[in-house]
Amino acid sequence: FFPISQIRLWALQLIMVSTPSLLVALHVAYREHREAK
């Protein structure tokens, strides 16, 4: 009935939907690295 725990699937969802926001921070860090270089 529970091949994966509901609470663990909920946690996995939170991680997956929050990770793409890191792309913006990484792009800004890349710009800062270029200016420093």
Full PDB file with SEQRES, HELIX, SHEET, SSBOND, CRYST1, ORIGX, SCALE, CONECT and MASTER records, all heavy atoms in Angstrom:
SEQRES   1 A   37  PHE PHE PRO ILE SER GLN ILE ARG LEU TRP ALA LEU GLN          
SEQRES   2 A   37  LEU ILE MET VAL SER THR PRO SER LEU LEU VAL ALA LEU          
SEQRES   3 A   37  HIS VAL ALA TYR ARG GLU HIS ARG GLU ALA LYS                  
HELIX    1 AA1 GLN A    6  SER A   18  1                                  13    
HELIX    2 AA2 SER A   21  ALA A   36  1                                  16    
CRYST1    1.000    1.000    1.000  90.00  90.00  90.00 P 1           1          
ORIGX1      1.000000  0.000000  0.000000        0.00000                         
ORIGX2      0.000000  1.000000  0.000000        0.00000                         
ORIGX3      0.000000  0.000000  1.000000        0.00000                         
SCALE1      1.000000  0.000000  0.000000        0.00000                         
SCALE2      0.000000  1.000000  0.000000        0.00000                         
SCALE3      0.000000  0.000000  1.000000        0.00000                         
ATOM      1  N   PHE A   1       0.814  -1.219   0.000  1.00  0.00           N  
ATOM      2  CA  PHE A   1       0.000   0.000   0.000  1.00  0.00           C  
ATOM      3  C   PHE A   1       0.848   1.270   0.000  1.00  0.00           C  
ATOM      4  O   PHE A   1       0.387   2.312  -0.485  1.00  0.00           O  
ATOM      5  CB  PHE A   1      -0.930   0.006   1.222  1.00  0.00           C  
ATOM      6  CG  PHE A   1      -2.008  -1.025   1.156  1.00  0.00           C  
ATOM      7  CD1 PHE A   1      -2.068  -2.044   2.095  1.00  0.00           C  
ATOM      8  CD2 PHE A   1      -2.957  -1.001   0.145  1.00  0.00           C  
ATOM      9  CE1 PHE A   1      -3.072  -3.012   2.040  1.00  0.00           C  
ATOM     10  CE2 PHE A   1      -3.961  -1.963   0.081  1.00  0.00           C  
ATOM     11  CZ  PHE A   1      -4.014  -2.969   1.031  1.00  0.00           C  
ATOM     12  N   PHE A   2       2.059   1.220   0.535  1.00  0.00           N  
ATOM     13  CA  PHE A   2       2.924   2.403   0.601  1.00  0.00           C  
ATOM     14  C   PHE A   2       4.302   2.050   0.041  1.00  0.00           C  
ATOM     15  O   PHE A   2       5.250   1.827   0.806  1.00  0.00           O  
ATOM     16  CB  PHE A   2       3.048   2.893   2.046  1.00  0.00           C  
ATOM     17  CG  PHE A   2       1.724   3.225   2.685  1.00  0.00           C  
ATOM     18  CD1 PHE A   2       1.123   2.344   3.566  1.00  0.00           C  
ATOM     19  CD2 PHE A   2       1.074   4.409   2.382  1.00  0.00           C  
ATOM     20  CE1 PHE A   2      -0.100   2.627   4.146  1.00  0.00           C  
ATOM     21  CE2 PHE A   2      -0.152   4.709   2.961  1.00  0.00           C  
ATOM     22  CZ  PHE A   2      -0.741   3.819   3.844  1.00  0.00           C  
ATOM     23  N   PRO A   3       4.434   1.961  -1.295  1.00  0.00           N  
ATOM     24  CA  PRO A   3       5.736   1.636  -1.877  1.00  0.00           C  
ATOM     25  C   PRO A   3       6.806   2.672  -1.539  1.00  0.00           C  
ATOM     26  O   PRO A   3       7.983   2.357  -1.467  1.00  0.00           O  
ATOM     27  CB  PRO A   3       5.451   1.583  -3.380  1.00  0.00           C  
ATOM     28  CG  PRO A   3       4.185   2.339  -3.559  1.00  0.00           C  
ATOM     29  CD  PRO A   3       3.401   2.157  -2.311  1.00  0.00           C  
ATOM     30  N   ILE A   4       6.390   3.913  -1.359  1.00  0.00           N  
ATOM     31  CA  ILE A   4       7.272   4.951  -0.836  1.00  0.00           C  
ATOM     32  C   ILE A   4       6.476   5.728   0.202  1.00  0.00           C  
ATOM     33  O   ILE A   4       5.280   5.986   0.020  1.00  0.00           O  
ATOM     34  CB  ILE A   4       7.795   5.878  -1.961  1.00  0.00           C  
ATOM     35  CG1 ILE A   4       8.701   6.969  -1.374  1.00  0.00           C  
ATOM     36  CG2 ILE A   4       6.657   6.489  -2.760  1.00  0.00           C  
ATOM     37  CD1 ILE A   4       9.385   7.814  -2.433  1.00  0.00           C  
ATOM     38  N   SER A   5       7.112   6.055   1.288  1.00  0.00           N  
ATOM     39  CA  SER A   5       6.413   6.734   2.366  1.00  0.00           C  
ATOM     40  C   SER A   5       5.870   8.081   1.887  1.00  0.00           C  
ATOM     41  O   SER A   5       6.532   8.817   1.157  1.00  0.00           O  
ATOM     42  CB  SER A   5       7.364   6.942   3.545  1.00  0.00           C  
ATOM     43  OG  SER A   5       6.748   7.707   4.551  1.00  0.00           O  
ATOM     44  N   GLN A   6       4.657   8.405   2.310  1.00  0.00           N  
ATOM     45  CA  GLN A   6       4.039   9.666   1.890  1.00  0.00           C  
ATOM     46  C   GLN A   6       4.840  10.868   2.359  1.00  0.00           C  
ATOM     47  O   GLN A   6       5.022  11.842   1.620  1.00  0.00           O  
ATOM     48  CB  GLN A   6       2.609   9.734   2.440  1.00  0.00           C  
ATOM     49  CG  GLN A   6       1.672   8.712   1.808  1.00  0.00           C  
ATOM     50  CD  GLN A   6       0.320   8.689   2.477  1.00  0.00           C  
ATOM     51  OE1 GLN A   6       0.196   8.961   3.670  1.00  0.00           O  
ATOM     52  NE2 GLN A   6      -0.709   8.347   1.717  1.00  0.00           N  
ATOM     53  N   ILE A   7       5.347  10.802   3.563  1.00  0.00           N  
ATOM     54  CA  ILE A   7       6.101  11.940   4.097  1.00  0.00           C  
ATOM     55  C   ILE A   7       7.437  12.094   3.385  1.00  0.00           C  
ATOM     56  O   ILE A   7       7.920  13.212   3.168  1.00  0.00           O  
ATOM     57  CB  ILE A   7       6.295  11.785   5.624  1.00  0.00           C  
ATOM     58  CG1 ILE A   7       6.752  13.094   6.258  1.00  0.00           C  
ATOM     59  CG2 ILE A   7       7.252  10.653   5.940  1.00  0.00           C  
ATOM     60  CD1 ILE A   7       5.730  14.180   6.222  1.00  0.00           C  
ATOM     61  N   ARG A   8       8.056  10.984   2.983  1.00  0.00           N  
ATOM     62  CA  ARG A   8       9.323  11.070   2.246  1.00  0.00           C  
ATOM     63  C   ARG A   8       9.091  11.576   0.822  1.00  0.00           C  
ATOM     64  O   ARG A   8       9.923  12.310   0.279  1.00  0.00           O  
ATOM     65  CB  ARG A   8      10.013   9.710   2.236  1.00  0.00           C  
ATOM     66  CG  ARG A   8      10.532   9.299   3.605  1.00  0.00           C  
ATOM     67  CD  ARG A   8      11.312   7.998   3.559  1.00  0.00           C  
ATOM     68  NE  ARG A   8      11.824   7.637   4.871  1.00  0.00           N  
ATOM     69  CZ  ARG A   8      11.148   6.920   5.764  1.00  0.00           C  
ATOM     70  NH1 ARG A   8       9.939   6.466   5.465  1.00  0.00           N  
ATOM     71  NH2 ARG A   8      11.674   6.636   6.947  1.00  0.00           N  
ATOM     72  N   LEU A   9       7.972  11.202   0.230  1.00  0.00           N  
ATOM     73  CA  LEU A   9       7.634  11.740  -1.093  1.00  0.00           C  
ATOM     74  C   LEU A   9       7.365  13.235  -1.004  1.00  0.00           C  
ATOM     75  O   LEU A   9       7.733  13.997  -1.910  1.00  0.00           O  
ATOM     76  CB  LEU A   9       6.412  11.010  -1.649  1.00  0.00           C  
ATOM     77  CG  LEU A   9       5.993  11.393  -3.074  1.00  0.00           C  
ATOM     78  CD1 LEU A   9       7.117  11.116  -4.067  1.00  0.00           C  
ATOM     79  CD2 LEU A   9       4.736  10.641  -3.481  1.00  0.00           C  
ATOM     80  N   TRP A  10       6.752  13.665   0.068  1.00  0.00           N  
ATOM     81  CA  TRP A  10       6.512  15.090   0.301  1.00  0.00           C  
ATOM     82  C   TRP A  10       7.849  15.836   0.425  1.00  0.00           C  
ATOM     83  O   TRP A  10       8.042  16.898  -0.166  1.00  0.00           O  
ATOM     84  CB  TRP A  10       5.680  15.250   1.556  1.00  0.00           C  
ATOM     85  CG  TRP A  10       5.135  16.627   1.795  1.00  0.00           C  
ATOM     86  CD1 TRP A  10       5.426  17.757   1.087  1.00  0.00           C  
ATOM     87  CD2 TRP A  10       4.212  17.012   2.800  1.00  0.00           C  
ATOM     88  NE1 TRP A  10       4.744  18.826   1.588  1.00  0.00           N  
ATOM     89  CE2 TRP A  10       3.980  18.393   2.646  1.00  0.00           C  
ATOM     90  CE3 TRP A  10       3.559  16.324   3.812  1.00  0.00           C  
ATOM     91  CZ2 TRP A  10       3.126  19.107   3.478  1.00  0.00           C  
ATOM     92  CZ3 TRP A  10       2.704  17.038   4.638  1.00  0.00           C  
ATOM     93  CH2 TRP A  10       2.487  18.408   4.472  1.00  0.00           C  
ATOM     94  N   ALA A  11       8.774  15.272   1.203  1.00  0.00           N  
ATOM     95  CA  ALA A  11      10.093  15.887   1.350  1.00  0.00           C  
ATOM     96  C   ALA A  11      10.847  15.932   0.016  1.00  0.00           C  
ATOM     97  O   ALA A  11      11.490  16.931  -0.313  1.00  0.00           O  
ATOM     98  CB  ALA A  11      10.909  15.116   2.390  1.00  0.00           C  
ATOM     99  N   LEU A  12      10.747  14.849  -0.756  1.00  0.00           N  
ATOM    100  CA  LEU A  12      11.396  14.823  -2.063  1.00  0.00           C  
ATOM    101  C   LEU A  12      10.816  15.887  -2.986  1.00  0.00           C  
ATOM    102  O   LEU A  12      11.544  16.536  -3.749  1.00  0.00           O  
ATOM    103  CB  LEU A  12      11.234  13.431  -2.679  1.00  0.00           C  
ATOM    104  CG  LEU A  12      11.903  13.209  -4.043  1.00  0.00           C  
ATOM    105  CD1 LEU A  12      13.413  13.363  -3.936  1.00  0.00           C  
ATOM    106  CD2 LEU A  12      11.541  11.825  -4.587  1.00  0.00           C  
ATOM    107  N   GLN A  13       9.502  16.087  -2.909  1.00  0.00           N  
ATOM    108  CA  GLN A  13       8.874  17.123  -3.718  1.00  0.00           C  
ATOM    109  C   GLN A  13       9.397  18.507  -3.351  1.00  0.00           C  
ATOM    110  O   GLN A  13       9.687  19.333  -4.225  1.00  0.00           O  
ATOM    111  CB  GLN A  13       7.353  17.071  -3.541  1.00  0.00           C  
ATOM    112  CG  GLN A  13       6.604  18.103  -4.374  1.00  0.00           C  
ATOM    113  CD  GLN A  13       5.153  18.224  -3.955  1.00  0.00           C  
ATOM    114  OE1 GLN A  13       4.793  17.830  -2.851  1.00  0.00           O  
ATOM    115  NE2 GLN A  13       4.327  18.772  -4.825  1.00  0.00           N  
ATOM    116  N   LEU A  14       9.509  18.788  -2.049  1.00  0.00           N  
ATOM    117  CA  LEU A  14      10.012  20.083  -1.604  1.00  0.00           C  
ATOM    118  C   LEU A  14      11.431  20.340  -2.110  1.00  0.00           C  
ATOM    119  O   LEU A  14      11.775  21.448  -2.544  1.00  0.00           O  
ATOM    120  CB  LEU A  14       9.974  20.168  -0.082  1.00  0.00           C  
ATOM    121  CG  LEU A  14       8.595  20.295   0.560  1.00  0.00           C  
ATOM    122  CD1 LEU A  14       8.716  20.265   2.076  1.00  0.00           C  
ATOM    123  CD2 LEU A  14       7.914  21.573   0.102  1.00  0.00           C  
ATOM    124  N   ILE A  15      12.263  19.304  -2.063  1.00  0.00           N  
ATOM    125  CA  ILE A  15      13.641  19.461  -2.540  1.00  0.00           C  
ATOM    126  C   ILE A  15      13.668  19.691  -4.047  1.00  0.00           C  
ATOM    127  O   ILE A  15      14.395  20.567  -4.544  1.00  0.00           O  
ATOM    128  CB  ILE A  15      14.470  18.221  -2.156  1.00  0.00           C  
ATOM    129  CG1 ILE A  15      14.605  18.120  -0.634  1.00  0.00           C  
ATOM    130  CG2 ILE A  15      15.847  18.273  -2.803  1.00  0.00           C  
ATOM    131  CD1 ILE A  15      15.231  16.838  -0.159  1.00  0.00           C  
ATOM    132  N   MET A  16      12.861  18.937  -4.785  1.00  0.00           N  
ATOM    133  CA  MET A  16      12.876  19.040  -6.240  1.00  0.00           C  
ATOM    134  C   MET A  16      12.375  20.398  -6.723  1.00  0.00           C  
ATOM    135  O   MET A  16      12.919  20.976  -7.668  1.00  0.00           O  
ATOM    136  CB  MET A  16      12.023  17.921  -6.844  1.00  0.00           C  
ATOM    137  CG  MET A  16      12.585  16.529  -6.610  1.00  0.00           C  
ATOM    138  SD  MET A  16      14.146  16.250  -7.463  1.00  0.00           S  
ATOM    139  CE  MET A  16      13.605  16.131  -9.148  1.00  0.00           C  
ATOM    140  N   VAL A  17      11.333  20.939  -6.093  1.00  0.00           N  
ATOM    141  CA  VAL A  17      10.794  22.222  -6.558  1.00  0.00           C  
ATOM    142  C   VAL A  17      11.629  23.403  -6.085  1.00  0.00           C  
ATOM    143  O   VAL A  17      11.514  24.501  -6.641  1.00  0.00           O  
ATOM    144  CB  VAL A  17       9.329  22.395  -6.097  1.00  0.00           C  
ATOM    145  CG1 VAL A  17       8.458  21.286  -6.636  1.00  0.00           C  
ATOM    146  CG2 VAL A  17       9.229  22.484  -4.592  1.00  0.00           C  
ATOM    147  N   SER A  18      12.449  23.208  -5.074  1.00  0.00           N  
ATOM    148  CA  SER A  18      13.297  24.301  -4.595  1.00  0.00           C  
ATOM    149  C   SER A  18      14.645  24.349  -5.295  1.00  0.00           C  
ATOM    150  O   SER A  18      15.260  25.421  -5.364  1.00  0.00           O  
ATOM    151  CB  SER A  18      13.521  24.157  -3.080  1.00  0.00           C  
ATOM    152  OG  SER A  18      12.300  24.135  -2.387  1.00  0.00           O  
ATOM    153  N   THR A  19      15.109  23.214  -5.816  1.00  0.00           N  
ATOM    154  CA  THR A  19      16.432  23.166  -6.440  1.00  0.00           C  
ATOM    155  C   THR A  19      16.573  24.057  -7.676  1.00  0.00           C  
ATOM    156  O   THR A  19      17.617  24.705  -7.842  1.00  0.00           O  
ATOM    157  CB  THR A  19      16.788  21.710  -6.801  1.00  0.00           C  
ATOM    158  OG1 THR A  19      16.740  20.916  -5.616  1.00  0.00           O  
ATOM    159  CG2 THR A  19      18.171  21.620  -7.406  1.00  0.00           C  
ATOM    160  N   PRO A  20      15.564  24.147  -8.598  1.00  0.00           N  
ATOM    161  CA  PRO A  20      15.751  25.007  -9.769  1.00  0.00           C  
ATOM    162  C   PRO A  20      16.037  26.467  -9.449  1.00  0.00           C  
ATOM    163  O   PRO A  20      16.647  27.166 -10.268  1.00  0.00           O  
ATOM    164  CB  PRO A  20      14.413  24.861 -10.519  1.00  0.00           C  
ATOM    165  CG  PRO A  20      13.917  23.527 -10.131  1.00  0.00           C  
ATOM    166  CD  PRO A  20      14.330  23.348  -8.713  1.00  0.00           C  
ATOM    167  N   SER A  21      15.620  26.935  -8.274  1.00  0.00           N  
ATOM    168  CA  SER A  21      15.928  28.321  -7.902  1.00  0.00           C  
ATOM    169  C   SER A  21      17.427  28.545  -7.746  1.00  0.00           C  
ATOM    170  O   SER A  21      17.905  29.684  -7.852  1.00  0.00           O  
ATOM    171  CB  SER A  21      15.213  28.678  -6.593  1.00  0.00           C  
ATOM    172  OG  SER A  21      13.815  28.565  -6.751  1.00  0.00           O  
ATOM    173  N   LEU A  22      18.176  27.466  -7.501  1.00  0.00           N  
ATOM    174  CA  LEU A  22      19.630  27.594  -7.384  1.00  0.00           C  
ATOM    175  C   LEU A  22      20.263  27.983  -8.710  1.00  0.00           C  
ATOM    176  O   LEU A  22      21.372  28.539  -8.733  1.00  0.00           O  
ATOM    177  CB  LEU A  22      20.237  26.281  -6.890  1.00  0.00           C  
ATOM    178  CG  LEU A  22      19.812  25.805  -5.497  1.00  0.00           C  
ATOM    179  CD1 LEU A  22      20.446  24.458  -5.200  1.00  0.00           C  
ATOM    180  CD2 LEU A  22      20.216  26.816  -4.448  1.00  0.00           C  
ATOM    181  N   LEU A  23      19.605  27.693  -9.828  1.00  0.00           N  
ATOM    182  CA  LEU A  23      20.166  28.044 -11.132  1.00  0.00           C  
ATOM    183  C   LEU A  23      20.380  29.552 -11.253  1.00  0.00           C  
ATOM    184  O   LEU A  23      21.377  30.007 -11.815  1.00  0.00           O  
ATOM    185  CB  LEU A  23      19.243  27.557 -12.256  1.00  0.00           C  
ATOM    186  CG  LEU A  23      19.059  26.044 -12.391  1.00  0.00           C  
ATOM    187  CD1 LEU A  23      18.010  25.738 -13.450  1.00  0.00           C  
ATOM    188  CD2 LEU A  23      20.384  25.377 -12.754  1.00  0.00           C  
ATOM    189  N   VAL A  24      19.433  30.325 -10.720  1.00  0.00           N  
ATOM    190  CA  VAL A  24      19.551  31.781 -10.775  1.00  0.00           C  
ATOM    191  C   VAL A  24      20.741  32.246  -9.950  1.00  0.00           C  
ATOM    192  O   VAL A  24      21.544  33.076 -10.392  1.00  0.00           O  
ATOM    193  CB  VAL A  24      18.249  32.440 -10.283  1.00  0.00           C  
ATOM    194  CG1 VAL A  24      18.351  33.950 -10.352  1.00  0.00           C  
ATOM    195  CG2 VAL A  24      17.069  31.960 -11.116  1.00  0.00           C  
ATOM    196  N   ALA A  25      20.879  31.706  -8.735  1.00  0.00           N  
ATOM    197  CA  ALA A  25      22.009  32.088  -7.880  1.00  0.00           C  
ATOM    198  C   ALA A  25      23.334  31.682  -8.507  1.00  0.00           C  
ATOM    199  O   ALA A  25      24.327  32.434  -8.440  1.00  0.00           O  
ATOM    200  CB  ALA A  25      21.853  31.455  -6.504  1.00  0.00           C  
ATOM    201  N   LEU A  26      23.389  30.524  -9.146  1.00  0.00           N  
ATOM    202  CA  LEU A  26      24.622  30.086  -9.809  1.00  0.00           C  
ATOM    203  C   LEU A  26      24.966  30.976 -10.994  1.00  0.00           C  
ATOM    204  O   LEU A  26      26.146  31.261 -11.246  1.00  0.00           O  
ATOM    205  CB  LEU A  26      24.473  28.633 -10.264  1.00  0.00           C  
ATOM    206  CG  LEU A  26      24.418  27.577  -9.152  1.00  0.00           C  
ATOM    207  CD1 LEU A  26      24.137  26.197  -9.739  1.00  0.00           C  
ATOM    208  CD2 LEU A  26      25.728  27.549  -8.372  1.00  0.00           C  
ATOM    209  N   HIS A  27      23.955  31.425 -11.726  1.00  0.00           N  
ATOM    210  CA  HIS A  27      24.217  32.312 -12.865  1.00  0.00           C  
ATOM    211  C   HIS A  27      24.764  33.651 -12.391  1.00  0.00           C  
ATOM    212  O   HIS A  27      25.695  34.206 -13.001  1.00  0.00           O  
ATOM    213  CB  HIS A  27      22.939  32.526 -13.672  1.00  0.00           C  
ATOM    214  CG  HIS A  27      23.178  33.061 -15.045  1.00  0.00           C  
ATOM    215  ND1 HIS A  27      22.872  32.362 -16.186  1.00  0.00           N  
ATOM    216  CD2 HIS A  27      23.713  34.230 -15.465  1.00  0.00           C  
ATOM    217  CE1 HIS A  27      23.208  33.070 -17.248  1.00  0.00           C  
ATOM    218  NE2 HIS A  27      23.712  34.219 -16.832  1.00  0.00           N  
ATOM    219  N   VAL A  28      24.197  34.184 -11.313  1.00  0.00           N  
ATOM    220  CA  VAL A  28      24.709  35.443 -10.761  1.00  0.00           C  
ATOM    221  C   VAL A  28      26.137  35.260 -10.250  1.00  0.00           C  
ATOM    222  O   VAL A  28      27.001  36.122 -10.442  1.00  0.00           O  
ATOM    223  CB  VAL A  28      23.790  35.950  -9.641  1.00  0.00           C  
ATOM    224  CG1 VAL A  28      24.382  37.189  -8.981  1.00  0.00           C  
ATOM    225  CG2 VAL A  28      22.410  36.267 -10.201  1.00  0.00           C  
ATOM    226  N   ALA A  29      26.420  34.118  -9.629  1.00  0.00           N  
ATOM    227  CA  ALA A  29      27.786  33.833  -9.168  1.00  0.00           C  
ATOM    228  C   ALA A  29      28.746  33.735 -10.362  1.00  0.00           C  
ATOM    229  O   ALA A  29      29.904  34.161 -10.266  1.00  0.00           O  
ATOM    230  CB  ALA A  29      27.804  32.531  -8.372  1.00  0.00           C  
ATOM    231  N   TYR A  30      28.264  33.191 -11.473  1.00  0.00           N  
ATOM    232  CA  TYR A  30      29.095  33.125 -12.685  1.00  0.00           C  
ATOM    233  C   TYR A  30      29.423  34.526 -13.201  1.00  0.00           C  
ATOM    234  O   TYR A  30      30.557  34.804 -13.619  1.00  0.00           O  
ATOM    235  CB  TYR A  30      28.362  32.322 -13.758  1.00  0.00           C  
ATOM    236  CG  TYR A  30      28.981  32.427 -15.130  1.00  0.00           C  
ATOM    237  CD1 TYR A  30      30.183  31.786 -15.430  1.00  0.00           C  
ATOM    238  CD2 TYR A  30      28.350  33.166 -16.134  1.00  0.00           C  
ATOM    239  CE1 TYR A  30      30.745  31.882 -16.696  1.00  0.00           C  
ATOM    240  CE2 TYR A  30      28.909  33.268 -17.394  1.00  0.00           C  
ATOM    241  CZ  TYR A  30      30.102  32.623 -17.669  1.00  0.00           C  
ATOM    242  OH  TYR A  30      30.662  32.739 -18.929  1.00  0.00           O  
ATOM    243  N   ARG A  31      28.454  35.438 -13.155  1.00  0.00           N  
ATOM    244  CA  ARG A  31      28.715  36.819 -13.565  1.00  0.00           C  
ATOM    245  C   ARG A  31      29.745  37.482 -12.653  1.00  0.00           C  
ATOM    246  O   ARG A  31      30.647  38.192 -13.123  1.00  0.00           O  
ATOM    247  CB  ARG A  31      27.411  37.617 -13.552  1.00  0.00           C  
ATOM    248  CG  ARG A  31      26.459  37.279 -14.685  1.00  0.00           C  
ATOM    249  CD  ARG A  31      25.252  38.203 -14.675  1.00  0.00           C  
ATOM    250  NE  ARG A  31      24.447  38.047 -15.882  1.00  0.00           N  
ATOM    251  CZ  ARG A  31      23.402  38.815 -16.188  1.00  0.00           C  
ATOM    252  NH1 ARG A  31      23.030  39.768 -15.352  1.00  0.00           N  
ATOM    253  NH2 ARG A  31      22.738  38.617 -17.301  1.00  0.00           N  
ATOM    254  N   GLU A  32      29.609  37.252 -11.363  1.00  0.00           N  
ATOM    255  CA  GLU A  32      30.584  37.821 -10.425  1.00  0.00           C  
ATOM    256  C   GLU A  32      31.981  37.252 -10.679  1.00  0.00           C  
ATOM    257  O   GLU A  32      32.986  37.971 -10.578  1.00  0.00           O  
ATOM    258  CB  GLU A  32      30.138  37.532  -8.996  1.00  0.00           C  
ATOM    259  CG  GLU A  32      28.856  38.244  -8.597  1.00  0.00           C  
ATOM    260  CD  GLU A  32      28.379  37.841  -7.225  1.00  0.00           C  
ATOM    261  OE1 GLU A  32      28.962  36.874  -6.671  1.00  0.00           O  
ATOM    262  OE2 GLU A  32      27.433  38.464  -6.710  1.00  0.00           O  
ATOM    263  N   HIS A  33      32.056  35.966 -10.999  1.00  0.00           N  
ATOM    264  CA  HIS A  33      33.351  35.347 -11.295  1.00  0.00           C  
ATOM    265  C   HIS A  33      33.977  35.950 -12.552  1.00  0.00           C  
ATOM    266  O   HIS A  33      35.201  36.185 -12.600  1.00  0.00           O  
ATOM    267  CB  HIS A  33      33.170  33.843 -11.459  1.00  0.00           C  
ATOM    268  CG  HIS A  33      34.419  33.130 -11.900  1.00  0.00           C  
ATOM    269  ND1 HIS A  33      35.507  32.948 -11.068  1.00  0.00           N  
ATOM    270  CD2 HIS A  33      34.763  32.560 -13.102  1.00  0.00           C  
ATOM    271  CE1 HIS A  33      36.463  32.309 -11.724  1.00  0.00           C  
ATOM    272  NE2 HIS A  33      36.032  32.057 -12.961  1.00  0.00           N  
ATOM    273  N   ARG A  34      33.165  36.211 -13.570  1.00  0.00           N  
ATOM    274  CA  ARG A  34      33.683  36.820 -14.801  1.00  0.00           C  
ATOM    275  C   ARG A  34      34.244  38.217 -14.545  1.00  0.00           C  
ATOM    276  O   ARG A  34      35.307  38.576 -15.048  1.00  0.00           O  
ATOM    277  CB  ARG A  34      32.579  36.897 -15.856  1.00  0.00           C  
ATOM    278  CG  ARG A  34      32.264  35.587 -16.549  1.00  0.00           C  
ATOM    279  CD  ARG A  34      31.458  35.840 -17.793  1.00  0.00           C  
ATOM    280  NE  ARG A  34      32.236  36.594 -18.776  1.00  0.00           N  
ATOM    281  CZ  ARG A  34      31.716  37.208 -19.826  1.00  0.00           C  
ATOM    282  NH1 ARG A  34      30.407  37.182 -20.022  1.00  0.00           N  
ATOM    283  NH2 ARG A  34      32.477  37.854 -20.680  1.00  0.00           N  
ATOM    284  N   GLU A  35      33.518  39.007 -13.753  1.00  0.00           N  
ATOM    285  CA  GLU A  35      34.005  40.352 -13.452  1.00  0.00           C  
ATOM    286  C   GLU A  35      35.292  40.307 -12.631  1.00  0.00           C  
ATOM    287  O   GLU A  35      36.205  41.108 -12.849  1.00  0.00           O  
ATOM    288  CB  GLU A  35      32.930  41.133 -12.697  1.00  0.00           C  
ATOM    289  CG  GLU A  35      31.770  41.579 -13.576  1.00  0.00           C  
ATOM    290  CD  GLU A  35      30.858  42.542 -12.860  1.00  0.00           C  
ATOM    291  OE1 GLU A  35      31.002  42.678 -11.615  1.00  0.00           O  
ATOM    292  OE2 GLU A  35      30.006  43.152 -13.527  1.00  0.00           O  
ATOM    293  N   ALA A  36      35.368  39.345 -11.701  1.00  0.00           N  
ATOM    294  CA  ALA A  36      36.602  39.218 -10.915  1.00  0.00           C  
ATOM    295  C   ALA A  36      37.760  38.744 -11.785  1.00  0.00           C  
ATOM    296  O   ALA A  36      38.909  39.157 -11.579  1.00  0.00           O  
ATOM    297  CB  ALA A  36      36.371  38.245  -9.758  1.00  0.00           C  
ATOM    298  N   LYS A  37      37.456  37.904 -12.764  1.00  0.00           N  
ATOM    299  CA  LYS A  37      38.511  37.383 -13.641  1.00  0.00           C  
ATOM    300  C   LYS A  37      39.045  38.467 -14.568  1.00  0.00           C  
ATOM    301  O   LYS A  37      40.265  38.600 -14.753  1.00  0.00           O  
ATOM    302  CB  LYS A  37      37.964  36.211 -14.456  1.00  0.00           C  
ATOM    303  CG  LYS A  37      38.990  35.555 -15.358  1.00  0.00           C  
ATOM    304  CD  LYS A  37      38.362  34.380 -16.106  1.00  0.00           C  
ATOM    305  CE  LYS A  37      39.381  33.729 -17.042  1.00  0.00           C  
ATOM    306  NZ  LYS A  37      38.787  32.582 -17.777  1.00  0.00           N  
TER     307      LYS A  37                                                      
MASTER        0    0    0    2    0    0    0    6  306    1    0    3          
END                                                                             
